[in-house]
Protein backbone atom coordinates (compact mmCIF):
# COMPACT_ATOMS: atom_id res chain seq x y z
CA MET A 1 100.39 68.63 82.54
CA ASN A 2 103.67 69.58 84.18
CA LEU A 3 103.91 70.65 87.78
CA GLN A 4 104.21 74.31 87.15
CA THR A 5 101.14 74.39 84.89
CA PHE A 6 99.24 72.51 87.50
CA ARG A 7 100.35 75.01 90.22
CA TYR A 8 99.45 77.93 87.94
CA ALA A 9 96.00 76.37 87.35
CA ALA A 10 95.38 75.73 91.12
CA CYS A 11 96.68 79.13 92.29
CA GLY A 12 95.12 80.89 89.40
CA GLY A 13 91.91 79.18 90.24
CA VAL A 14 92.09 80.24 93.93
CA ASN A 15 92.87 83.80 92.94
CA THR A 16 90.08 83.88 90.36
CA LEU A 17 87.56 82.50 92.82
CA THR A 18 88.74 85.09 95.26
CA GLY A 19 88.43 87.95 92.68
CA LEU A 20 84.98 86.79 91.62
CA SER A 21 83.79 86.38 95.17
CA VAL A 22 84.95 89.85 96.16
CA PHE A 23 83.44 91.21 92.87
CA TYR A 24 80.04 89.61 93.75
CA VAL A 25 80.05 90.74 97.40
CA ALA A 26 81.13 94.24 96.43
CA PHE A 27 78.55 94.52 93.59
CA LYS A 28 75.61 92.91 95.49
CA PHE A 29 76.12 93.89 99.09
CA ILE A 30 78.64 96.83 99.35
CA LEU A 31 77.42 98.78 96.41
CA ARG A 32 73.97 97.29 96.40
CA GLU A 33 74.03 97.52 92.53
CA LYS A 34 74.11 101.38 92.70
CA ASN A 35 76.62 103.73 91.24
CA LEU A 36 79.65 104.89 93.30
CA ASP A 37 79.77 108.68 93.38
CA LEU A 38 83.49 109.79 93.82
CA GLN A 39 82.52 113.43 93.63
CA PHE A 40 84.71 113.82 90.50
CA TYR A 41 83.42 110.83 88.67
CA VAL A 42 80.59 108.29 89.01
CA LEU A 43 81.45 104.63 88.59
CA GLU A 44 78.92 102.12 87.50
CA PRO A 45 78.48 99.44 90.26
CA TYR A 46 80.13 96.71 88.21
CA SER A 47 83.20 98.88 87.49
CA ALA A 48 83.45 99.82 91.20
CA ALA A 49 83.22 96.16 92.08
CA LEU A 50 85.96 95.37 89.61
CA PHE A 51 88.32 97.80 91.22
CA ILE A 52 87.44 96.64 94.77
CA SER A 53 88.16 93.11 93.59
CA PHE A 54 91.52 94.25 92.22
CA LEU A 55 92.49 95.60 95.69
CA ILE A 56 92.17 92.08 97.15
CA SER A 57 93.19 89.77 94.32
CA PHE A 58 96.35 91.70 93.29
CA PRO A 59 98.33 90.96 96.48
CA VAL A 60 96.85 87.41 96.82
CA GLY A 61 97.81 86.67 93.22
CA PHE A 62 101.27 88.10 93.46
CA PHE A 63 102.22 86.01 96.54
CA LEU A 64 100.82 82.87 95.07
CA MET A 65 102.62 83.28 91.75
CA LYS A 66 105.93 84.27 93.44
CA TYR A 67 106.12 81.75 95.99
CA VAL A 68 104.05 78.75 94.70
CA VAL A 69 104.04 78.87 90.95
CA PHE A 70 107.33 80.48 89.98
CA PRO A 71 109.76 80.00 92.83
CA ASP A 72 112.57 79.28 90.49
CA SER A 73 112.59 82.80 89.15
CA LYS A 74 115.90 84.60 90.20
CA THR A 75 114.53 88.11 89.42
CA LYS A 76 114.53 90.49 92.34
CA GLY A 77 111.17 90.70 94.15
CA ARG A 78 110.74 94.43 93.50
CA ILE A 79 111.16 93.81 89.69
CA GLN A 80 108.70 90.91 89.88
CA ILE A 81 106.05 92.99 91.69
CA PHE A 82 106.55 95.96 89.12
CA ARG A 83 106.13 93.52 86.27
CA TYR A 84 103.17 91.88 87.96
CA LEU A 85 101.61 95.30 88.42
CA ILE A 86 102.03 96.05 84.79
CA ALA A 87 100.46 92.73 83.73
CA TYR A 88 97.66 93.21 86.21
CA ILE A 89 96.93 96.78 85.01
CA VAL A 90 96.97 95.59 81.40
CA ASN A 91 94.61 92.69 82.52
CA LEU A 92 92.48 95.22 84.57
CA ILE A 93 92.13 97.52 81.52
CA LEU A 94 91.20 94.62 79.20
CA ASN A 95 88.78 93.32 81.92
CA TYR A 96 87.17 96.78 82.34
CA PHE A 97 86.51 97.15 78.55
CA LEU A 98 85.29 93.57 78.02
CA LEU A 99 83.04 93.91 81.14
CA ARG A 100 81.54 97.09 79.76
CA LEU A 101 81.07 95.44 76.23
CA PHE A 102 79.41 92.42 77.74
CA VAL A 103 77.17 94.46 80.24
CA GLU A 104 76.30 97.59 78.19
CA VAL A 105 76.32 96.28 74.63
CA LEU A 106 75.41 92.62 74.96
CA HIS A 107 73.24 93.10 78.11
CA ILE A 108 74.79 90.31 80.15
CA TYR A 109 74.34 90.31 83.88
CA PRO A 110 77.46 91.73 85.39
CA THR A 111 78.55 88.60 87.53
CA ILE A 112 78.07 86.37 84.36
CA ALA A 113 79.93 89.01 82.26
CA GLN A 114 82.77 88.92 84.70
CA LEU A 115 83.00 85.12 84.53
CA ILE A 116 83.24 85.30 80.70
CA THR A 117 85.83 88.03 80.82
CA THR A 118 87.87 86.08 83.34
CA ALA A 119 87.83 82.99 81.05
CA ILE A 120 89.17 85.12 78.25
CA LEU A 121 91.96 86.72 80.18
CA ILE A 122 93.31 83.49 81.76
CA VAL A 123 95.44 82.48 78.82
CA PHE A 124 96.80 86.05 78.34
CA SER A 125 97.75 86.18 82.03
CA TYR A 126 99.51 82.81 82.02
CA VAL A 127 101.72 83.70 79.05
CA PHE A 128 102.51 87.14 80.47
CA GLN A 129 103.49 85.86 83.96
CA ARG A 130 105.46 82.82 82.59
CA TYR A 131 107.48 84.62 79.98
CA PHE A 132 107.78 88.15 81.40
CA THR A 133 106.94 88.68 85.17
CA PHE A 134 108.44 85.50 86.56
CA LYS A 135 110.77 84.54 83.71
CA ALA A 136 113.22 81.98 84.98
CA THR A 137 116.83 82.70 84.03
CA PRO A 138 118.47 79.81 82.02
CA ALA A 139 121.75 78.42 83.41
CA GLY A 140 124.66 80.45 82.24
CA GLU A 141 122.70 83.73 81.66
CA ILE A 142 123.09 86.79 83.74
CA SER A 143 119.90 87.60 85.65
CA ASP A 144 118.90 91.08 86.95
CA THR A 145 119.46 90.00 90.56
CA ASN A 146 122.87 91.60 90.67
């Protein structure tokens, strides 16, 4: 395992544990396993917990990826955060639908369903971050930092 893969695994693990912890606390203690009524839409408690988790794990994940895992990327920070947001939103959408599938169709407890969903999305996330968001510019190529 090379250093970058190790750092990705370590930082991804920290961010995953952060996200799962926030999900659990939000689901069990903040929402108390009850729907969240937004007046214009009612969210299931596991969906609301997923979005609360996003609010915490998005910035934590971005800074870990930018400064620890992919510090060699020469892409401007604003472009990186935009790309990271795109990747995160795609990941969030996939997470949402997989979570609904596991909870509503397969009747798996929401926290366990979130663990399974997270495991599925780890590989997708690594490939997306490595080859899109924090793509290192090879020597001799022009980067978008100019």
